Amino acid sequence: MVRSYDRKTGRADADRPVRVRFVEREQIDAEKVAEVLIRLALRAAGDGTATGDTGQHLRGLLQSRR
């Protein structure tokens, strides 16, 4: 069941800059990398950049088609 999200608090949007920190490891955490890339694409959705276009497409794929 898909539920729409309606923010109840007066929290500011997450438009703050993204900081990335490199930590050398023997293996990468692919799930964490995927999560970060998805969040960045969704945040940039609709802003006219290549990342924004990707986010818009991803947002369309995630929406329910009833």
C-alpha atoms as a PDB file:
ATOM      1  CA  MET A   1       0.000   0.000   0.000  1.00  0.00           C
ATOM      2  CA  VAL A   2       1.426   3.350  -1.043  1.00  0.00           C
ATOM      3  CA  ARG A   3       0.944   6.285   1.283  1.00  0.00           C
ATOM      4  CA  SER A   4       1.675   9.876   0.458  1.00  0.00           C
ATOM      5  CA  TYR A   5       4.066  11.687   2.743  1.00  0.00           C
ATOM      6  CA  ASP A   6       2.842  14.912   4.310  1.00  0.00           C
ATOM      7  CA  ARG A   7       5.406  16.727   6.440  1.00  0.00           C
ATOM      8  CA  LYS A   8       3.995  17.738   9.809  1.00  0.00           C
ATOM      9  CA  THR A   9       6.923  19.774  11.129  1.00  0.00           C
ATOM     10  CA  GLY A  10       8.281  23.130  10.011  1.00  0.00           C
ATOM     11  CA  ARG A  11      11.684  21.703   9.179  1.00  0.00           C
ATOM     12  CA  ALA A  12      13.728  23.420   6.473  1.00  0.00           C
ATOM     13  CA  ASP A  13      14.229  21.666   3.159  1.00  0.00           C
ATOM     14  CA  ALA A  14      17.387  19.643   2.679  1.00  0.00           C
ATOM     15  CA  ASP A  15      18.992  22.045   0.214  1.00  0.00           C
ATOM     16  CA  ARG A  16      22.217  22.319   2.165  1.00  0.00           C
ATOM     17  CA  PRO A  17      25.462  21.408   0.395  1.00  0.00           C
ATOM     18  CA  VAL A  18      26.563  17.794   0.395  1.00  0.00           C
ATOM     19  CA  ARG A  19      29.906  16.923   1.966  1.00  0.00           C
ATOM     20  CA  VAL A  20      31.633  13.656   1.153  1.00  0.00           C
ATOM     21  CA  ARG A  21      34.401  12.170   3.262  1.00  0.00           C
ATOM     22  CA  PHE A  22      36.740   9.487   1.932  1.00  0.00           C
ATOM     23  CA  VAL A  23      37.472   6.551   4.205  1.00  0.00           C
ATOM     24  CA  GLU A  24      39.754   3.913   2.706  1.00  0.00           C
ATOM     25  CA  ARG A  25      38.396   0.385   3.073  1.00  0.00           C
ATOM     26  CA  GLU A  26      39.139  -2.968   1.535  1.00  0.00           C
ATOM     27  CA  GLN A  27      35.572  -3.387   0.262  1.00  0.00           C
ATOM     28  CA  ILE A  28      32.931  -0.795  -0.499  1.00  0.00           C
ATOM     29  CA  ASP A  29      29.459  -0.822   1.000  1.00  0.00           C
ATOM     30  CA  ALA A  30      27.500  -0.938  -2.272  1.00  0.00           C
ATOM     31  CA  GLU A  31      24.144  -0.448  -0.535  1.00  0.00           C
ATOM     32  CA  LYS A  32      25.364   2.748   1.138  1.00  0.00           C
ATOM     33  CA  VAL A  33      26.823   4.079  -2.122  1.00  0.00           C
ATOM     34  CA  ALA A  34      23.546   3.361  -3.929  1.00  0.00           C
ATOM     35  CA  GLU A  35      21.548   5.074  -1.173  1.00  0.00           C
ATOM     36  CA  VAL A  36      23.674   8.225  -1.388  1.00  0.00           C
ATOM     37  CA  LEU A  37      23.445   8.364  -5.195  1.00  0.00           C
ATOM     38  CA  ILE A  38      19.662   7.910  -5.092  1.00  0.00           C
ATOM     39  CA  ARG A  39      19.289  10.656  -2.460  1.00  0.00           C
ATOM     40  CA  LEU A  40      21.429  13.063  -4.494  1.00  0.00           C
ATOM     41  CA  ALA A  41      19.457  12.368  -7.674  1.00  0.00           C
ATOM     42  CA  LEU A  42      16.095  12.786  -5.952  1.00  0.00           C
ATOM     43  CA  ARG A  43      17.237  16.004  -4.275  1.00  0.00           C
ATOM     44  CA  ALA A  44      18.280  17.468  -7.645  1.00  0.00           C
ATOM     45  CA  ALA A  45      15.119  16.322  -9.470  1.00  0.00           C
ATOM     46  CA  GLY A  46      13.737  18.995 -11.770  1.00  0.00           C
ATOM     47  CA  ASP A  47      16.621  21.467 -11.526  1.00  0.00           C
ATOM     48  CA  GLY A  48      17.547  21.180 -15.219  1.00  0.00           C
ATOM     49  CA  THR A  49      20.883  19.402 -14.761  1.00  0.00           C
ATOM     50  CA  ALA A  50      21.789  15.873 -15.839  1.00  0.00           C
ATOM     51  CA  THR A  51      21.522  14.786 -12.208  1.00  0.00           C
ATOM     52  CA  GLY A  52      18.150  16.508 -11.959  1.00  0.00           C
ATOM     53  CA  ASP A  53      16.909  14.731 -15.087  1.00  0.00           C
ATOM     54  CA  THR A  54      18.009  11.420 -13.595  1.00  0.00           C
ATOM     55  CA  GLY A  55      16.229  12.251 -10.347  1.00  0.00           C
ATOM     56  CA  GLN A  56      13.044  13.160 -12.219  1.00  0.00           C
ATOM     57  CA  HIS A  57      13.145   9.845 -14.089  1.00  0.00           C
ATOM     58  CA  LEU A  58      13.815   7.948 -10.867  1.00  0.00           C
ATOM     59  CA  ARG A  59      10.945   9.747  -9.129  1.00  0.00           C
ATOM     60  CA  GLY A  60       8.655   8.670 -11.982  1.00  0.00           C
ATOM     61  CA  LEU A  61       9.770   5.057 -11.598  1.00  0.00           C
ATOM     62  CA  LEU A  62       9.083   5.126  -7.865  1.00  0.00           C
ATOM     63  CA  GLN A  63       5.540   6.516  -8.167  1.00  0.00           C
ATOM     64  CA  SER A  64       2.598   4.175  -8.014  1.00  0.00           C
ATOM     65  CA  ARG A  65       0.854   3.454 -11.319  1.00  0.00           C
ATOM     66  CA  ARG A  66      -2.763   2.724 -10.527  1.00  0.00           C
END
